[in-house]
Amino acid sequence: MSRAADLEHALTAGLHPAHLEVIDESSMHSKGAESHFKVVVVSEGFVGLAAVKRHRLVNQLAEPVFASGLHALSIFAKTPEEWSPGAPPLLSPQCLGGSKKDSAAS
């Protein structure tokens, strides 16, 4: 299974999202594939949680994918009330470092 599929499965099982996008942004950051992702996840599970707690929850669910080589995850975690499907695309921050694969090649 691909890392994208692993992320989608983990987030779907843990959050039952109303909306989920898993976007591979690896080509913008690093050599090789499937090291950098952006997720847009909309879930009732985020109601009443501060942004940091939402991110911690997503990172906890993604932990096995990080263990398999995921380097970076840009997270946009919204409640259904906060989500606007017609809004402009959400931009990920610039990566500050390479992946483990890059450092192994040096």
N, C-alpha and C. Protein backbone atom coordinates (compact mmCIF):
# COMPACT_ATOMS: atom_id res chain seq x y z
N MET A 1 0.86 -1.18 0.00
CA MET A 1 0.00 0.00 0.00
C MET A 1 0.90 1.24 0.00
N SER A 2 0.49 2.28 -0.69
CA SER A 2 1.26 3.52 -0.75
C SER A 2 1.11 4.30 0.55
N ARG A 3 2.02 5.24 0.79
CA ARG A 3 1.90 6.09 1.98
C ARG A 3 0.63 6.92 1.92
N ALA A 4 0.25 7.38 0.74
CA ALA A 4 -1.00 8.14 0.60
C ALA A 4 -2.18 7.29 1.05
N ALA A 5 -2.22 6.06 0.61
CA ALA A 5 -3.31 5.15 1.00
C ALA A 5 -3.26 4.85 2.50
N ASP A 6 -2.04 4.68 3.04
CA ASP A 6 -1.89 4.43 4.47
C ASP A 6 -2.41 5.62 5.29
N LEU A 7 -2.06 6.84 4.85
CA LEU A 7 -2.56 8.05 5.54
C LEU A 7 -4.08 8.13 5.46
N GLU A 8 -4.62 7.91 4.27
CA GLU A 8 -6.06 7.98 4.09
C GLU A 8 -6.77 6.96 4.98
N HIS A 9 -6.24 5.76 5.02
CA HIS A 9 -6.85 4.71 5.84
C HIS A 9 -6.80 5.08 7.33
N ALA A 10 -5.64 5.53 7.81
CA ALA A 10 -5.48 5.86 9.23
C ALA A 10 -6.39 7.01 9.64
N LEU A 11 -6.46 8.06 8.81
CA LEU A 11 -7.28 9.22 9.15
C LEU A 11 -8.77 8.91 9.04
N THR A 12 -9.15 8.11 8.07
CA THR A 12 -10.55 7.72 7.93
C THR A 12 -11.00 6.87 9.11
N ALA A 13 -10.17 5.91 9.49
CA ALA A 13 -10.52 5.03 10.62
C ALA A 13 -10.59 5.80 11.94
N GLY A 14 -9.68 6.76 12.12
CA GLY A 14 -9.62 7.47 13.40
C GLY A 14 -10.52 8.67 13.54
N LEU A 15 -10.90 9.27 12.40
CA LEU A 15 -11.65 10.53 12.47
C LEU A 15 -13.01 10.52 11.77
N HIS A 16 -13.27 9.52 10.95
CA HIS A 16 -14.52 9.44 10.18
C HIS A 16 -14.83 10.80 9.53
N PRO A 17 -13.92 11.30 8.70
CA PRO A 17 -14.04 12.66 8.19
C PRO A 17 -15.22 12.86 7.23
N ALA A 18 -15.76 14.07 7.27
CA ALA A 18 -16.76 14.49 6.29
C ALA A 18 -16.08 14.82 4.97
N HIS A 19 -14.82 15.21 5.04
CA HIS A 19 -14.01 15.53 3.86
C HIS A 19 -12.57 15.20 4.19
N LEU A 20 -11.88 14.58 3.22
CA LEU A 20 -10.46 14.25 3.41
C LEU A 20 -9.75 14.37 2.07
N GLU A 21 -8.65 15.11 2.08
CA GLU A 21 -7.75 15.18 0.93
C GLU A 21 -6.37 14.80 1.42
N VAL A 22 -5.73 13.89 0.73
CA VAL A 22 -4.35 13.50 1.01
C VAL A 22 -3.57 13.81 -0.26
N ILE A 23 -2.69 14.82 -0.18
CA ILE A 23 -2.00 15.34 -1.36
C ILE A 23 -0.50 15.11 -1.21
N ASP A 24 0.08 14.40 -2.17
CA ASP A 24 1.51 14.13 -2.17
C ASP A 24 2.23 15.36 -2.70
N GLU A 25 3.00 16.03 -1.85
CA GLU A 25 3.75 17.22 -2.22
C GLU A 25 5.25 16.94 -2.30
N SER A 26 5.62 15.69 -2.38
CA SER A 26 7.02 15.30 -2.35
C SER A 26 7.85 15.97 -3.43
N SER A 27 7.31 16.13 -4.61
CA SER A 27 8.07 16.72 -5.71
C SER A 27 8.47 18.17 -5.44
N MET A 28 7.79 18.84 -4.51
CA MET A 28 8.12 20.23 -4.17
C MET A 28 9.24 20.33 -3.14
N HIS A 29 9.61 19.21 -2.53
CA HIS A 29 10.51 19.25 -1.38
C HIS A 29 11.73 18.35 -1.46
N SER A 30 11.59 17.20 -2.03
CA SER A 30 12.58 16.17 -1.82
C SER A 30 12.69 15.25 -3.02
N LYS A 31 13.85 14.66 -3.18
CA LYS A 31 14.02 13.63 -4.20
C LYS A 31 13.28 12.39 -3.75
N GLY A 32 12.84 11.60 -4.70
CA GLY A 32 12.13 10.38 -4.35
C GLY A 32 10.65 10.66 -4.17
N ALA A 33 9.93 9.65 -3.78
CA ALA A 33 8.47 9.77 -3.72
C ALA A 33 7.94 9.55 -2.31
N GLU A 34 6.79 10.13 -2.08
CA GLU A 34 5.97 9.90 -0.89
C GLU A 34 6.69 10.20 0.43
N SER A 35 7.31 11.37 0.51
CA SER A 35 7.96 11.78 1.75
C SER A 35 7.28 12.98 2.40
N HIS A 36 6.58 13.79 1.60
CA HIS A 36 5.93 15.02 2.08
C HIS A 36 4.46 15.01 1.63
N PHE A 37 3.56 15.20 2.59
CA PHE A 37 2.14 15.21 2.27
C PHE A 37 1.44 16.40 2.92
N LYS A 38 0.34 16.78 2.30
CA LYS A 38 -0.60 17.74 2.89
C LYS A 38 -1.90 16.99 3.08
N VAL A 39 -2.52 17.16 4.25
CA VAL A 39 -3.84 16.60 4.46
C VAL A 39 -4.80 17.72 4.83
N VAL A 40 -5.96 17.67 4.23
CA VAL A 40 -7.07 18.55 4.58
C VAL A 40 -8.12 17.60 5.12
N VAL A 41 -8.39 17.71 6.41
CA VAL A 41 -9.32 16.78 7.04
C VAL A 41 -10.39 17.57 7.80
N VAL A 42 -11.63 17.23 7.51
CA VAL A 42 -12.78 17.90 8.12
C VAL A 42 -13.53 16.84 8.92
N SER A 43 -13.64 17.07 10.23
CA SER A 43 -14.24 16.06 11.09
C SER A 43 -14.95 16.67 12.28
N GLU A 44 -16.05 16.06 12.67
CA GLU A 44 -16.73 16.44 13.91
C GLU A 44 -15.82 16.18 15.11
N GLY A 45 -14.85 15.29 14.95
CA GLY A 45 -13.93 14.96 16.02
C GLY A 45 -13.06 16.13 16.46
N PHE A 46 -13.02 17.19 15.67
CA PHE A 46 -12.22 18.37 16.01
C PHE A 46 -13.01 19.42 16.78
N VAL A 47 -14.32 19.24 16.90
CA VAL A 47 -15.16 20.22 17.61
C VAL A 47 -14.66 20.36 19.04
N GLY A 48 -14.42 21.59 19.45
CA GLY A 48 -13.98 21.88 20.81
C GLY A 48 -12.49 21.70 21.05
N LEU A 49 -11.73 21.31 20.03
CA LEU A 49 -10.29 21.13 20.18
C LEU A 49 -9.54 22.32 19.61
N ALA A 50 -8.53 22.79 20.33
CA ALA A 50 -7.65 23.84 19.82
C ALA A 50 -6.83 23.26 18.66
N ALA A 51 -6.28 24.15 17.84
CA ALA A 51 -5.52 23.71 16.67
C ALA A 51 -4.39 22.76 17.03
N VAL A 52 -3.66 23.03 18.09
CA VAL A 52 -2.54 22.17 18.47
C VAL A 52 -3.03 20.76 18.83
N LYS A 53 -4.17 20.64 19.48
CA LYS A 53 -4.71 19.32 19.82
C LYS A 53 -5.19 18.59 18.58
N ARG A 54 -5.72 19.31 17.61
CA ARG A 54 -6.13 18.70 16.33
C ARG A 54 -4.90 18.13 15.62
N HIS A 55 -3.84 18.93 15.59
CA HIS A 55 -2.60 18.49 14.92
C HIS A 55 -1.99 17.29 15.63
N ARG A 56 -2.01 17.31 16.95
CA ARG A 56 -1.48 16.17 17.70
C ARG A 56 -2.27 14.91 17.40
N LEU A 57 -3.58 15.04 17.30
CA LEU A 57 -4.43 13.89 16.99
C LEU A 57 -4.10 13.33 15.61
N VAL A 58 -3.99 14.20 14.62
CA VAL A 58 -3.65 13.76 13.26
C VAL A 58 -2.27 13.12 13.25
N ASN A 59 -1.30 13.74 13.91
CA ASN A 59 0.06 13.17 13.96
C ASN A 59 0.06 11.81 14.65
N GLN A 60 -0.71 11.66 15.70
CA GLN A 60 -0.79 10.38 16.40
C GLN A 60 -1.35 9.30 15.46
N LEU A 61 -2.40 9.63 14.72
CA LEU A 61 -2.98 8.67 13.78
C LEU A 61 -2.00 8.34 12.65
N ALA A 62 -1.16 9.31 12.28
CA ALA A 62 -0.20 9.12 11.18
C ALA A 62 1.11 8.50 11.64
N GLU A 63 1.26 8.24 12.93
CA GLU A 63 2.54 7.74 13.48
C GLU A 63 3.09 6.52 12.72
N PRO A 64 2.28 5.52 12.38
CA PRO A 64 2.84 4.38 11.64
C PRO A 64 3.37 4.77 10.25
N VAL A 65 2.79 5.78 9.66
CA VAL A 65 3.25 6.22 8.34
C VAL A 65 4.57 6.97 8.48
N PHE A 66 4.73 7.75 9.54
CA PHE A 66 6.02 8.38 9.82
C PHE A 66 7.08 7.30 10.03
N ALA A 67 6.72 6.24 10.73
CA ALA A 67 7.67 5.15 10.99
C ALA A 67 8.11 4.46 9.70
N SER A 68 7.28 4.52 8.67
CA SER A 68 7.62 3.88 7.40
C SER A 68 8.38 4.81 6.45
N GLY A 69 8.69 6.05 6.89
CA GLY A 69 9.51 6.94 6.08
C GLY A 69 8.89 8.27 5.71
N LEU A 70 7.68 8.55 6.16
CA LEU A 70 7.10 9.87 5.93
C LEU A 70 7.96 10.91 6.63
N HIS A 71 8.31 12.00 5.93
CA HIS A 71 9.19 13.02 6.50
C HIS A 71 8.41 14.22 7.04
N ALA A 72 7.38 14.65 6.31
CA ALA A 72 6.66 15.87 6.70
C ALA A 72 5.18 15.75 6.36
N LEU A 73 4.37 16.33 7.25
CA LEU A 73 2.93 16.33 7.06
C LEU A 73 2.40 17.72 7.37
N SER A 74 1.85 18.37 6.35
CA SER A 74 1.21 19.66 6.51
C SER A 74 -0.27 19.39 6.79
N ILE A 75 -0.78 19.92 7.91
CA ILE A 75 -2.11 19.56 8.38
C ILE A 75 -3.04 20.76 8.38
N PHE A 76 -4.19 20.59 7.76
CA PHE A 76 -5.28 21.55 7.81
C PHE A 76 -6.47 20.79 8.38
N ALA A 77 -6.76 20.99 9.66
CA ALA A 77 -7.79 20.26 10.38
C ALA A 77 -8.93 21.20 10.74
N LYS A 78 -10.10 20.92 10.19
CA LYS A 78 -11.25 21.81 10.36
C LYS A 78 -12.47 21.03 10.84
N THR A 79 -13.37 21.74 11.51
CA THR A 79 -14.68 21.17 11.80
C THR A 79 -15.56 21.40 10.57
N PRO A 80 -16.67 20.68 10.46
CA PRO A 80 -17.56 20.93 9.32
C PRO A 80 -18.04 22.39 9.25
N GLU A 81 -18.23 23.03 10.40
CA GLU A 81 -18.69 24.42 10.43
C GLU A 81 -17.60 25.37 9.93
N GLU A 82 -16.34 25.02 10.10
CA GLU A 82 -15.23 25.87 9.68
C GLU A 82 -14.86 25.67 8.21
N TRP A 83 -15.27 24.57 7.64
CA TRP A 83 -14.85 24.18 6.30
C TRP A 83 -15.68 24.89 5.24
N SER A 84 -14.99 25.40 4.24
CA SER A 84 -15.65 26.04 3.11
C SER A 84 -15.09 25.41 1.83
N PRO A 85 -15.83 24.50 1.21
CA PRO A 85 -15.32 23.80 0.04
C PRO A 85 -14.89 24.70 -1.11
N GLY A 86 -15.47 25.87 -1.25
CA GLY A 86 -15.12 26.77 -2.35
C GLY A 86 -13.96 27.70 -2.06
N ALA A 87 -13.35 27.57 -0.88
CA ALA A 87 -12.25 28.46 -0.49
C ALA A 87 -11.01 28.21 -1.34
N PRO A 88 -10.12 29.20 -1.45
CA PRO A 88 -8.88 29.00 -2.20
C PRO A 88 -8.06 27.86 -1.60
N PRO A 89 -7.19 27.24 -2.40
CA PRO A 89 -6.38 26.13 -1.89
C PRO A 89 -5.52 26.56 -0.69
N LEU A 90 -5.35 25.64 0.22
CA LEU A 90 -4.52 25.89 1.40
C LEU A 90 -3.07 25.57 1.05
N LEU A 91 -2.17 26.49 1.34
CA LEU A 91 -0.77 26.33 0.97
C LEU A 91 0.05 25.77 2.12
N SER A 92 0.92 24.84 1.80
CA SER A 92 1.81 24.25 2.80
C SER A 92 3.02 25.14 3.01
N PRO A 93 3.60 25.11 4.22
CA PRO A 93 4.83 25.87 4.46
C PRO A 93 6.01 25.24 3.73
N GLN A 94 7.07 26.03 3.54
CA GLN A 94 8.28 25.52 2.92
C GLN A 94 8.95 24.50 3.84
N CYS A 95 9.52 23.48 3.26
CA CYS A 95 10.26 22.48 4.02
C CYS A 95 11.63 23.06 4.36
N LEU A 96 12.10 22.80 5.57
CA LEU A 96 13.40 23.31 6.01
C LEU A 96 14.51 22.29 5.92
N GLY A 97 14.18 21.07 5.55
CA GLY A 97 15.23 20.05 5.48
C GLY A 97 14.85 18.92 4.57
N GLY A 98 15.82 18.12 4.20
CA GLY A 98 15.59 16.99 3.30
C GLY A 98 15.05 15.79 4.05
N SER A 99 14.72 14.78 3.30
CA SER A 99 14.24 13.55 3.90
C SER A 99 15.39 12.65 4.26
N LYS A 100 15.12 11.59 4.99
CA LYS A 100 16.14 10.63 5.36
C LYS A 100 16.76 10.03 4.11
N LYS A 101 15.95 9.86 3.08
CA LYS A 101 16.43 9.31 1.83
C LYS A 101 17.50 10.22 1.22
N ASP A 102 17.28 11.55 1.28
CA ASP A 102 18.25 12.50 0.74
C ASP A 102 19.58 12.42 1.49
N SER A 103 19.53 12.36 2.82
CA SER A 103 20.77 12.36 3.60
C SER A 103 21.52 11.04 3.43
N ALA A 104 20.81 9.96 3.15
CA ALA A 104 21.46 8.67 2.94
C ALA A 104 22.23 8.65 1.62
N ALA A 105 21.76 9.46 0.65
CA ALA A 105 22.37 9.50 -0.67
C ALA A 105 23.63 10.36 -0.69
N SER A 106 23.85 11.22 0.32
CA SER A 106 25.00 12.11 0.31
C SER A 106 26.27 11.41 0.68
